[in-house]
Amino acid sequence: MVIVLTLSPVLASADEDLCHEKGIYIGNQTMRDLWYKRNGGPCTIWVRGHILNIKAEDTLIIYRDMACETEYCSKNPTYDVYRFLDANRNCRVRILPRCTLSDM
């Protein structure tokens, strides 16, 4: 019983979204410029090597063309996907060539 009571706060904090307040930073390490639309807004360039920030309420769609017609990833990652990949919980992930995502 004592062990369960001791571990409960630790287990609860593991599910806590530490990135909710500041968002998750996504680094473009694809070796190419990409484009994106945030929340249905304008088509904006995302220069290689630069970082974007996405919050839980945001919708971010990444494109490979400047007309924002061809999506870069076959299945567009969401905030929850980025958060899941953030293994060290520092709110930073990266996108690599062929839409490979990893912790940063």
PDB file of N, CA and C in Angstrom:
ATOM      1  N   MET A   1       0.818  -1.188   0.000  1.00  0.00           N
ATOM      2  CA  MET A   1       0.000   0.000   0.000  1.00  0.00           C
ATOM      3  C   MET A   1       0.866   1.258   0.000  1.00  0.00           C
ATOM      4  N   VAL A   2       1.899   1.254   0.831  1.00  0.00           N
ATOM      5  CA  VAL A   2       2.795   2.402   0.913  1.00  0.00           C
ATOM      6  C   VAL A   2       3.480   2.647  -0.435  1.00  0.00           C
ATOM      7  N   ILE A   3       3.882   1.577  -1.113  1.00  0.00           N
ATOM      8  CA  ILE A   3       4.548   1.704  -2.417  1.00  0.00           C
ATOM      9  C   ILE A   3       3.605   2.332  -3.436  1.00  0.00           C
ATOM     10  N   VAL A   4       2.360   1.902  -3.457  1.00  0.00           N
ATOM     11  CA  VAL A   4       1.375   2.457  -4.387  1.00  0.00           C
ATOM     12  C   VAL A   4       1.175   3.951  -4.142  1.00  0.00           C
ATOM     13  N   LEU A   5       1.052   4.345  -2.890  1.00  0.00           N
ATOM     14  CA  LEU A   5       0.861   5.754  -2.547  1.00  0.00           C
ATOM     15  C   LEU A   5       2.097   6.579  -2.884  1.00  0.00           C
ATOM     16  N   THR A   6       3.263   5.985  -2.775  1.00  0.00           N
ATOM     17  CA  THR A   6       4.505   6.682  -3.084  1.00  0.00           C
ATOM     18  C   THR A   6       4.669   6.866  -4.590  1.00  0.00           C
ATOM     19  N   LEU A   7       4.308   5.865  -5.369  1.00  0.00           N
ATOM     20  CA  LEU A   7       4.492   5.921  -6.815  1.00  0.00           C
ATOM     21  C   LEU A   7       3.382   6.670  -7.550  1.00  0.00           C
ATOM     22  N   SER A   8       2.240   6.857  -6.951  1.00  0.00           N
ATOM     23  CA  SER A   8       1.112   7.516  -7.625  1.00  0.00           C
ATOM     24  C   SER A   8       1.457   8.895  -8.175  1.00  0.00           C
ATOM     25  N   PRO A   9       2.077   9.796  -7.403  1.00  0.00           N
ATOM     26  CA  PRO A   9       2.423  11.100  -7.970  1.00  0.00           C
ATOM     27  C   PRO A   9       3.422  10.994  -9.121  1.00  0.00           C
ATOM     28  N   VAL A  10       4.340  10.063  -9.054  1.00  0.00           N
ATOM     29  CA  VAL A  10       5.329   9.883 -10.118  1.00  0.00           C
ATOM     30  C   VAL A  10       4.652   9.416 -11.391  1.00  0.00           C
ATOM     31  N   LEU A  11       3.770   8.438 -11.284  1.00  0.00           N
ATOM     32  CA  LEU A  11       3.061   7.928 -12.441  1.00  0.00           C
ATOM     33  C   LEU A  11       2.122   8.977 -13.022  1.00  0.00           C
ATOM     34  N   ALA A  12       1.502   9.762 -12.204  1.00  0.00           N
ATOM     35  CA  ALA A  12       0.606  10.815 -12.677  1.00  0.00           C
ATOM     36  C   ALA A  12       1.379  11.870 -13.445  1.00  0.00           C
ATOM     37  N   SER A  13       2.570  12.219 -12.983  1.00  0.00           N
ATOM     38  CA  SER A  13       3.356  13.239 -13.672  1.00  0.00           C
ATOM     39  C   SER A  13       3.895  12.743 -15.005  1.00  0.00           C
ATOM     40  N   ALA A  14       4.004  11.429 -15.196  1.00  0.00           N
ATOM     41  CA  ALA A  14       4.476  10.887 -16.475  1.00  0.00           C
ATOM     42  C   ALA A  14       3.476  11.167 -17.582  1.00  0.00           C
ATOM     43  N   ASP A  15       2.183  11.234 -17.253  1.00  0.00           N
ATOM     44  CA  ASP A  15       1.154  11.527 -18.240  1.00  0.00           C
ATOM     45  C   ASP A  15       0.957  13.027 -18.432  1.00  0.00           C
ATOM     46  N   GLU A  16       1.481  13.831 -17.561  1.00  0.00           N
ATOM     47  CA  GLU A  16       1.317  15.274 -17.619  1.00  0.00           C
ATOM     48  C   GLU A  16       1.984  15.831 -18.876  1.00  0.00           C
ATOM     49  N   ASP A  17       1.317  16.763 -19.530  1.00  0.00           N
ATOM     50  CA  ASP A  17       1.848  17.384 -20.746  1.00  0.00           C
ATOM     51  C   ASP A  17       2.710  18.585 -20.355  1.00  0.00           C
ATOM     52  N   LEU A  18       3.990  18.369 -20.239  1.00  0.00           N
ATOM     53  CA  LEU A  18       4.912  19.438 -19.861  1.00  0.00           C
ATOM     54  C   LEU A  18       5.050  20.498 -20.958  1.00  0.00           C
ATOM     55  N   CYS A  19       4.681  20.163 -22.181  1.00  0.00           N
ATOM     56  CA  CYS A  19       4.836  21.077 -23.317  1.00  0.00           C
ATOM     57  C   CYS A  19       3.583  21.909 -23.577  1.00  0.00           C
ATOM     58  N   HIS A  20       2.513  21.665 -22.842  1.00  0.00           N
ATOM     59  CA  HIS A  20       1.240  22.328 -23.123  1.00  0.00           C
ATOM     60  C   HIS A  20       1.365  23.851 -23.109  1.00  0.00           C
ATOM     61  N   GLU A  21       2.046  24.377 -22.134  1.00  0.00           N
ATOM     62  CA  GLU A  21       2.157  25.833 -21.984  1.00  0.00           C
ATOM     63  C   GLU A  21       2.972  26.487 -23.100  1.00  0.00           C
ATOM     64  N   LYS A  22       4.166  25.976 -23.361  1.00  0.00           N
ATOM     65  CA  LYS A  22       5.053  26.616 -24.343  1.00  0.00           C
ATOM     66  C   LYS A  22       4.992  25.997 -25.729  1.00  0.00           C
ATOM     67  N   GLY A  23       4.412  24.810 -25.852  1.00  0.00           N
ATOM     68  CA  GLY A  23       4.329  24.147 -27.155  1.00  0.00           C
ATOM     69  C   GLY A  23       5.524  23.242 -27.398  1.00  0.00           C
ATOM     70  N   ILE A  24       5.503  22.608 -28.561  1.00  0.00           N
ATOM     71  CA  ILE A  24       6.602  21.733 -28.967  1.00  0.00           C
ATOM     72  C   ILE A  24       7.343  22.395 -30.114  1.00  0.00           C
ATOM     73  N   TYR A  25       8.654  22.395 -30.034  1.00  0.00           N
ATOM     74  CA  TYR A  25       9.495  22.973 -31.071  1.00  0.00           C
ATOM     75  C   TYR A  25       9.872  21.876 -32.059  1.00  0.00           C
ATOM     76  N   ILE A  26       9.681  22.154 -33.345  1.00  0.00           N
ATOM     77  CA  ILE A  26       9.956  21.175 -34.395  1.00  0.00           C
ATOM     78  C   ILE A  26      11.043  21.736 -35.294  1.00  0.00           C
ATOM     79  N   GLY A  27      12.164  21.034 -35.370  1.00  0.00           N
ATOM     80  CA  GLY A  27      13.285  21.468 -36.202  1.00  0.00           C
ATOM     81  C   GLY A  27      13.197  20.872 -37.597  1.00  0.00           C
ATOM     82  N   ASN A  28      13.348  21.706 -38.623  1.00  0.00           N
ATOM     83  CA  ASN A  28      13.365  21.238 -40.009  1.00  0.00           C
ATOM     84  C   ASN A  28      14.783  20.798 -40.340  1.00  0.00           C
ATOM     85  N   GLN A  29      15.037  19.516 -40.255  1.00  0.00           N
ATOM     86  CA  GLN A  29      16.350  18.960 -40.582  1.00  0.00           C
ATOM     87  C   GLN A  29      16.228  18.028 -41.788  1.00  0.00           C
ATOM     88  N   THR A  30      15.391  18.438 -42.734  1.00  0.00           N
ATOM     89  CA  THR A  30      15.130  17.638 -43.929  1.00  0.00           C
ATOM     90  C   THR A  30      16.145  17.883 -45.031  1.00  0.00           C
ATOM     91  N   MET A  31      17.002  18.852 -44.877  1.00  0.00           N
ATOM     92  CA  MET A  31      17.987  19.249 -45.894  1.00  0.00           C
ATOM     93  C   MET A  31      17.319  19.964 -47.065  1.00  0.00           C
ATOM     94  N   ARG A  32      16.087  20.446 -46.884  1.00  0.00           N
ATOM     95  CA  ARG A  32      15.386  21.212 -47.922  1.00  0.00           C
ATOM     96  C   ARG A  32      14.400  22.170 -47.259  1.00  0.00           C
ATOM     97  N   ASP A  33      14.055  23.191 -47.989  1.00  0.00           N
ATOM     98  CA  ASP A  33      13.019  24.097 -47.511  1.00  0.00           C
ATOM     99  C   ASP A  33      11.666  23.419 -47.688  1.00  0.00           C
ATOM    100  N   LEU A  34      10.800  23.626 -46.740  1.00  0.00           N
ATOM    101  CA  LEU A  34       9.435  23.126 -46.799  1.00  0.00           C
ATOM    102  C   LEU A  34       8.492  24.314 -46.643  1.00  0.00           C
ATOM    103  N   TRP A  35       7.196  24.065 -46.753  1.00  0.00           N
ATOM    104  CA  TRP A  35       6.183  25.081 -46.537  1.00  0.00           C
ATOM    105  C   TRP A  35       5.151  24.511 -45.590  1.00  0.00           C
ATOM    106  N   TYR A  36       4.404  25.377 -44.948  1.00  0.00           N
ATOM    107  CA  TYR A  36       3.393  24.911 -44.005  1.00  0.00           C
ATOM    108  C   TYR A  36       2.217  25.878 -43.949  1.00  0.00           C
ATOM    109  N   LYS A  37       1.091  25.347 -43.467  1.00  0.00           N
ATOM    110  CA  LYS A  37      -0.075  26.154 -43.123  1.00  0.00           C
ATOM    111  C   LYS A  37      -0.403  25.845 -41.673  1.00  0.00           C
ATOM    112  N   ARG A  38      -0.539  26.897 -40.892  1.00  0.00           N
ATOM    113  CA  ARG A  38      -0.913  26.741 -39.482  1.00  0.00           C
ATOM    114  C   ARG A  38      -2.364  27.194 -39.339  1.00  0.00           C
ATOM    115  N   ASN A  39      -3.201  26.301 -38.832  1.00  0.00           N
ATOM    116  CA  ASN A  39      -4.614  26.604 -38.599  1.00  0.00           C
ATOM    117  C   ASN A  39      -5.312  27.133 -39.852  1.00  0.00           C
ATOM    118  N   GLY A  40      -4.953  26.594 -41.011  1.00  0.00           N
ATOM    119  CA  GLY A  40      -5.587  26.993 -42.270  1.00  0.00           C
ATOM    120  C   GLY A  40      -5.152  28.350 -42.785  1.00  0.00           C
ATOM    121  N   GLY A  41      -4.109  28.920 -42.197  1.00  0.00           N
ATOM    122  CA  GLY A  41      -3.624  30.246 -42.591  1.00  0.00           C
ATOM    123  C   GLY A  41      -2.859  30.215 -43.907  1.00  0.00           C
ATOM    124  N   PRO A  42      -2.053  31.249 -44.155  1.00  0.00           N
ATOM    125  CA  PRO A  42      -1.333  31.354 -45.420  1.00  0.00           C
ATOM    126  C   PRO A  42      -0.220  30.311 -45.547  1.00  0.00           C
ATOM    127  N   CYS A  43       0.133  30.029 -46.774  1.00  0.00           N
ATOM    128  CA  CYS A  43       1.239  29.126 -47.081  1.00  0.00           C
ATOM    129  C   CYS A  43       2.542  29.872 -46.769  1.00  0.00           C
ATOM    130  N   THR A  44       3.333  29.329 -45.850  1.00  0.00           N
ATOM    131  CA  THR A  44       4.523  30.009 -45.345  1.00  0.00           C
ATOM    132  C   THR A  44       5.738  29.104 -45.512  1.00  0.00           C
ATOM    133  N   ILE A  45       6.859  29.696 -45.918  1.00  0.00           N
ATOM    134  CA  ILE A  45       8.077  28.903 -46.087  1.00  0.00           C
ATOM    135  C   ILE A  45       8.642  28.519 -44.724  1.00  0.00           C
ATOM    136  N   TRP A  46       9.189  27.311 -44.667  1.00  0.00           N
ATOM    137  CA  TRP A  46       9.870  26.804 -43.478  1.00  0.00           C
ATOM    138  C   TRP A  46      11.274  26.422 -43.925  1.00  0.00           C
ATOM    139  N   VAL A  47      12.194  27.321 -43.743  1.00  0.00           N
ATOM    140  CA  VAL A  47      13.559  27.167 -44.215  1.00  0.00           C
ATOM    141  C   VAL A  47      14.254  26.040 -43.453  1.00  0.00           C
ATOM    142  N   ARG A  48      15.037  25.240 -44.189  1.00  0.00           N
ATOM    143  CA  ARG A  48      15.753  24.135 -43.532  1.00  0.00           C
ATOM    144  C   ARG A  48      16.630  24.678 -42.420  1.00  0.00           C
ATOM    145  N   GLY A  49      16.682  23.929 -41.347  1.00  0.00           N
ATOM    146  CA  GLY A  49      17.470  24.343 -40.187  1.00  0.00           C
ATOM    147  C   GLY A  49      16.707  25.228 -39.214  1.00  0.00           C
ATOM    148  N   HIS A  50      15.532  25.697 -39.598  1.00  0.00           N
ATOM    149  CA  HIS A  50      14.757  26.563 -38.710  1.00  0.00           C
ATOM    150  C   HIS A  50      13.775  25.745 -37.879  1.00  0.00           C
ATOM    151  N   ILE A  51      13.270  26.368 -36.833  1.00  0.00           N
ATOM    152  CA  ILE A  51      12.397  25.697 -35.878  1.00  0.00           C
ATOM    153  C   ILE A  51      11.028  26.365 -35.858  1.00  0.00           C
ATOM    154  N   LEU A  52       9.992  25.534 -35.839  1.00  0.00           N
ATOM    155  CA  LEU A  52       8.610  26.000 -35.658  1.00  0.00           C
ATOM    156  C   LEU A  52       8.132  25.586 -34.283  1.00  0.00           C
ATOM    157  N   ASN A  53       7.122  26.273 -33.802  1.00  0.00           N
ATOM    158  CA  ASN A  53       6.506  25.917 -32.531  1.00  0.00           C
ATOM    159  C   ASN A  53       5.053  25.568 -32.790  1.00  0.00           C
ATOM    160  N   ILE A  54       4.593  24.465 -32.220  1.00  0.00           N
ATOM    161  CA  ILE A  54       3.198  24.053 -32.352  1.00  0.00           C
ATOM    162  C   ILE A  54       2.623  23.818 -30.969  1.00  0.00           C
ATOM    163  N   LYS A  55       1.419  24.326 -30.769  1.00  0.00           N
ATOM    164  CA  LYS A  55       0.726  24.121 -29.500  1.00  0.00           C
ATOM    165  C   LYS A  55      -0.389  23.106 -29.708  1.00  0.00           C
ATOM    166  N   ALA A  56      -0.922  22.596 -28.620  1.00  0.00           N
ATOM    167  CA  ALA A  56      -1.932  21.534 -28.670  1.00  0.00           C
ATOM    168  C   ALA A  56      -3.139  21.924 -29.509  1.00  0.00           C
ATOM    169  N   GLU A  57      -3.513  23.185 -29.500  1.00  0.00           N
ATOM    170  CA  GLU A  57      -4.696  23.624 -30.230  1.00  0.00           C
ATOM    171  C   GLU A  57      -4.416  23.917 -31.707  1.00  0.00           C
ATOM    172  N   ASP A  58      -3.156  23.877 -32.128  1.00  0.00           N
ATOM    173  CA  ASP A  58      -2.778  24.188 -33.513  1.00  0.00           C
ATOM    174  C   ASP A  58      -2.946  22.995 -34.446  1.00  0.00           C
ATOM    175  N   THR A  59      -3.236  23.314 -35.685  1.00  0.00           N
ATOM    176  CA  THR A  59      -3.189  22.345 -36.772  1.00  0.00           C
ATOM    177  C   THR A  59      -2.073  22.814 -37.699  1.00  0.00           C
ATOM    178  N   LEU A  60      -1.082  21.983 -37.906  1.00  0.00           N
ATOM    179  CA  LEU A  60       0.063  22.321 -38.745  1.00  0.00           C
ATOM    180  C   LEU A  60       0.161  21.284 -39.859  1.00  0.00           C
ATOM    181  N   ILE A  61       0.045  21.757 -41.099  1.00  0.00           N
ATOM    182  CA  ILE A  61       0.188  20.864 -42.239  1.00  0.00           C
ATOM    183  C   ILE A  61       1.447  21.278 -42.987  1.00  0.00           C
ATOM    184  N   ILE A  62       2.327  20.314 -43.223  1.00  0.00           N
ATOM    185  CA  ILE A  62       3.619  20.559 -43.864  1.00  0.00           C
ATOM    186  C   ILE A  62       3.532  20.128 -45.320  1.00  0.00           C
ATOM    187  N   TYR A  63       4.065  20.978 -46.199  1.00  0.00           N
ATOM    188  CA  TYR A  63       4.017  20.729 -47.640  1.00  0.00           C
ATOM    189  C   TYR A  63       5.419  20.723 -48.229  1.00  0.00           C
ATOM    190  N   ARG A  64       5.546  20.071 -49.389  1.00  0.00           N
ATOM    191  CA  ARG A  64       6.828  20.044 -50.079  1.00  0.00           C
ATOM    192  C   ARG A  64       6.916  21.104 -51.177  1.00  0.00           C
ATOM    193  N   ASP A  65       5.801  21.743 -51.512  1.00  0.00           N
ATOM    194  CA  ASP A  65       5.798  22.740 -52.596  1.00  0.00           C
ATOM    195  C   ASP A  65       5.298  24.092 -52.099  1.00  0.00           C
ATOM    196  N   MET A  66       5.734  25.150 -52.776  1.00  0.00           N
ATOM    197  CA  MET A  66       5.412  26.508 -52.343  1.00  0.00           C
ATOM    198  C   MET A  66       3.944  26.885 -52.578  1.00  0.00           C
ATOM    199  N   ALA A  67       3.212  26.068 -53.286  1.00  0.00           N
ATOM    200  CA  ALA A  67       1.783  26.319 -53.473  1.00  0.00           C
ATOM    201  C   ALA A  67       0.961  25.649 -52.372  1.00  0.00           C
ATOM    202  N   CYS A  68       1.619  24.925 -51.488  1.00  0.00           N
ATOM    203  CA  CYS A  68       0.956  24.188 -50.399  1.00  0.00           C
ATOM    204  C   CYS A  68      -0.135  23.274 -50.949  1.00  0.00           C
ATOM    205  N   GLU A  69       0.236  22.478 -51.952  1.00  0.00           N
ATOM    206  CA  GLU A  69      -0.688  21.521 -52.542  1.00  0.00           C
ATOM    207  C   GLU A  69      -0.281  20.066 -52.266  1.00  0.00           C
ATOM    208  N   THR A  70       1.027  19.791 -52.135  1.00  0.00           N
ATOM    209  CA  THR A  70       1.511  18.427 -51.941  1.00  0.00           C
ATOM    210  C   THR A  70       2.055  18.280 -50.520  1.00  0.00           C
ATOM    211  N   GLU A  71       1.360  17.487 -49.719  1.00  0.00           N
ATOM    212  CA  GLU A  71       1.802  17.305 -48.335  1.00  0.00           C
ATOM    213  C   GLU A  71       3.137  16.563 -48.296  1.00  0.00           C
ATOM    214  N   TYR A  72       3.994  16.962 -47.358  1.00  0.00           N
ATOM    215  CA  TYR A  72       5.312  16.343 -47.227  1.00  0.00           C
ATOM    216  C   TYR A  72       5.219  14.949 -46.610  1.00  0.00           C
ATOM    217  N   CYS A  73       4.343  14.782 -45.658  1.00  0.00           N
ATOM    218  CA  CYS A  73       4.173  13.496 -44.982  1.00  0.00           C
ATOM    219  C   CYS A  73       2.895  12.829 -45.480  1.00  0.00           C
ATOM    220  N   SER A  74       2.944  11.523 -45.678  1.00  0.00           N
ATOM    221  CA  SER A  74       1.746  10.814 -46.131  1.00  0.00           C
ATOM    222  C   SER A  74       0.640  10.888 -45.083  1.00  0.00           C
ATOM    223  N   LYS A  75       1.008  10.885 -43.809  1.00  0.00           N
ATOM    224  CA  LYS A  75       0.055  11.092 -42.715  1.00  0.00           C
ATOM    225  C   LYS A  75       0.586  12.249 -41.893  1.00  0.00           C
ATOM    226  N   ASN A  76      -0.108  13.366 -41.946  1.00  0.00           N
ATOM    227  CA  ASN A  76       0.372  14.582 -41.297  1.00  0.00           C
ATOM    228  C   ASN A  76       0.456  14.404 -39.780  1.00  0.00           C
ATOM    229  N   PRO A  77       1.639  14.632 -39.177  1.00  0.00           N
ATOM    230  CA  PRO A  77       1.785  14.493 -37.720  1.00  0.00           C
ATOM    231  C   PRO A  77       0.963  15.556 -36.979  1.00  0.00           C
ATOM    232  N   THR A  78       0.471  15.192 -35.818  1.00  0.00           N
ATOM    233  CA  THR A  78      -0.273  16.118 -34.968  1.00  0.00           C
ATOM    234  C   THR A  78       0.555  16.438 -33.732  1.00  0.00           C
ATOM    235  N   TYR A  79       0.058  17.346 -32.933  1.00  0.00           N
ATOM    236  CA  TYR A  79       0.727  17.704 -31.686  1.00  0.00           C
ATOM    237  C   TYR A  79       0.962  16.460 -30.825  1.00  0.00           C
ATOM    238  N   ASP A  80      -0.040  15.589 -30.757  1.00  0.00           N
ATOM    239  CA  ASP A  80       0.089  14.383 -29.927  1.00  0.00           C
ATOM    240  C   ASP A  80       1.189  13.453 -30.436  1.00  0.00           C
ATOM    241  N   VAL A  81       1.364  13.373 -31.742  1.00  0.00           N
ATOM    242  CA  VAL A  81       2.443  12.555 -32.316  1.00  0.00           C
ATOM    243  C   VAL A  81       3.793  13.146 -31.936  1.00  0.00           C
ATOM    244  N   TYR A  82       3.948  14.454 -32.098  1.00  0.00           N
ATOM    245  CA  TYR A  82       5.207  15.108 -31.720  1.00  0.00           C
ATOM    246  C   TYR A  82       5.487  14.908 -30.232  1.00  0.00           C
ATOM    247  N   ARG A  83       4.462  15.064 -29.409  1.00  0.00           N
ATOM    248  CA  ARG A  83       4.638  14.900 -27.954  1.00  0.00           C
ATOM    249  C   ARG A  83       5.046  13.467 -27.598  1.00  0.00           C
ATOM    250  N   PHE A  84       4.466  12.497 -28.277  1.00  0.00           N
ATOM    251  CA  PHE A  84       4.808  11.096 -28.034  1.00  0.00           C
ATOM    252  C   PHE A  84       6.276  10.822 -28.377  1.00  0.00           C
ATOM    253  N   LEU A  85       6.783  11.448 -29.440  1.00  0.00           N
ATOM    254  CA  LEU A  85       8.161  11.222 -29.880  1.00  0.00           C
ATOM    255  C   LEU A  85       9.186  11.962 -29.026  1.00  0.00           C
ATOM    256  N   ASP A  86       8.745  12.886 -28.217  1.00  0.00           N
ATOM    257  CA  ASP A  86       9.641  13.673 -27.358  1.00  0.00           C
ATOM    258  C   ASP A  86      10.044  12.840 -26.145  1.00  0.00           C
ATOM    259  N   ALA A  87      10.937  11.898 -26.358  1.00  0.00           N
ATOM    260  CA  ALA A  87      11.326  10.926 -25.328  1.00  0.00           C
ATOM    261  C   ALA A  87      11.957  11.574 -24.100  1.00  0.00           C
ATOM    262  N   ASN A  88      12.765  12.595 -24.286  1.00  0.00           N
ATOM    263  CA  ASN A  88      13.437  13.204 -23.137  1.00  0.00           C
ATOM    264  C   ASN A  88      12.623  14.351 -22.519  1.00  0.00           C
ATOM    265  N   ARG A  89      11.429  14.582 -23.058  1.00  0.00           N
ATOM    266  CA  ARG A  89      10.470  15.547 -22.506  1.00  0.00           C
ATOM    267  C   ARG A  89      11.009  16.963 -22.425  1.00  0.00           C
ATOM    268  N   ASN A  90      11.793  17.361 -23.447  1.00  0.00           N
ATOM    269  CA  ASN A  90      12.283  18.735 -23.487  1.00  0.00           C
ATOM    270  C   ASN A  90      11.509  19.589 -24.494  1.00  0.00           C
ATOM    271  N   CYS A  91      10.422  19.037 -25.025  1.00  0.00           N
ATOM    272  CA  CYS A  91       9.522  19.744 -25.947  1.00  0.00           C
ATOM    273  C   CYS A  91      10.198  20.098 -27.267  1.00  0.00           C
ATOM    274  N   ARG A  92      11.104  19.232 -27.727  1.00  0.00           N
ATOM    275  CA  ARG A  92      11.814  19.453 -28.991  1.00  0.00           C
ATOM    276  C   ARG A  92      11.886  18.141 -29.777  1.00  0.00           C
ATOM    277  N   VAL A  93      11.451  18.200 -31.033  1.00  0.00           N
ATOM    278  CA  VAL A  93      11.561  17.077 -31.953  1.00  0.00           C
ATOM    279  C   VAL A  93      12.076  17.607 -33.285  1.00  0.00           C
ATOM    280  N   ARG A  94      12.414  16.701 -34.174  1.00  0.00           N
ATOM    281  CA  ARG A  94      12.907  17.128 -35.485  1.00  0.00           C
ATOM    282  C   ARG A  94      12.261  16.288 -36.574  1.00  0.00           C
ATOM    283  N   ILE A  95      12.184  16.896 -37.739  1.00  0.00           N
ATOM    284  CA  ILE A  95      11.691  16.197 -38.910  1.00  0.00           C
ATOM    285  C   ILE A  95      12.873  16.036 -39.851  1.00  0.00           C
ATOM    286  N   LEU A  96      13.107  14.800 -40.253  1.00  0.00           N
ATOM    287  CA  LEU A  96      14.241  14.440 -41.106  1.00  0.00           C
ATOM    288  C   LEU A  96      13.717  14.098 -42.505  1.00  0.00           C
ATOM    289  N   PRO A  97      14.606  13.829 -43.468  1.00  0.00           N
ATOM    290  CA  PRO A  97      14.153  13.457 -44.817  1.00  0.00           C
ATOM    291  C   PRO A  97      13.132  12.321 -44.789  1.00  0.00           C
ATOM    292  N   ARG A  98      12.228  12.355 -45.745  1.00  0.00           N
ATOM    293  CA  ARG A  98      11.146  11.362 -45.910  1.00  0.00           C
ATOM    294  C   ARG A  98      10.198  11.332 -44.712  1.00  0.00           C
ATOM    295  N   CYS A  99      10.045  12.478 -44.083  1.00  0.00           N
ATOM    296  CA  CYS A  99       9.108  12.648 -42.955  1.00  0.00           C
ATOM    297  C   CYS A  99       9.424  11.698 -41.805  1.00  0.00           C
ATOM    298  N   THR A 100      10.682  11.448 -41.574  1.00  0.00           N
ATOM    299  CA  THR A 100      11.093  10.670 -40.409  1.00  0.00           C
ATOM    300  C   THR A 100      11.149  11.638 -39.228  1.00  0.00           C
ATOM    301  N   LEU A 101      10.461  11.295 -38.157  1.00  0.00           N
ATOM    302  CA  LEU A 101      10.417  12.144 -36.974  1.00  0.00           C
ATOM    303  C   LEU A 101      11.228  11.509 -35.856  1.00  0.00           C
ATOM    304  N   SER A 102      11.928  12.352 -35.082  1.00  0.00           N
ATOM    305  CA  SER A 102      12.680  11.829 -33.951  1.00  0.00           C
ATOM    306  C   SER A 102      12.838  12.908 -32.891  1.00  0.00           C
ATOM    307  N   ASP A 103      13.232  12.473 -31.715  1.00  0.00           N
ATOM    308  CA  ASP A 103      13.473  13.378 -30.599  1.00  0.00           C
ATOM    309  C   ASP A 103      14.707  14.233 -30.890  1.00  0.00           C
ATOM    310  N   MET A 104      14.749  15.400 -30.308  1.00  0.00           N
ATOM    311  CA  MET A 104      15.902  16.294 -30.501  1.00  0.00           C
ATOM    312  C   MET A 104      16.468  16.653 -29.144  1.00  0.00           C
TER     313      MET A 104
END
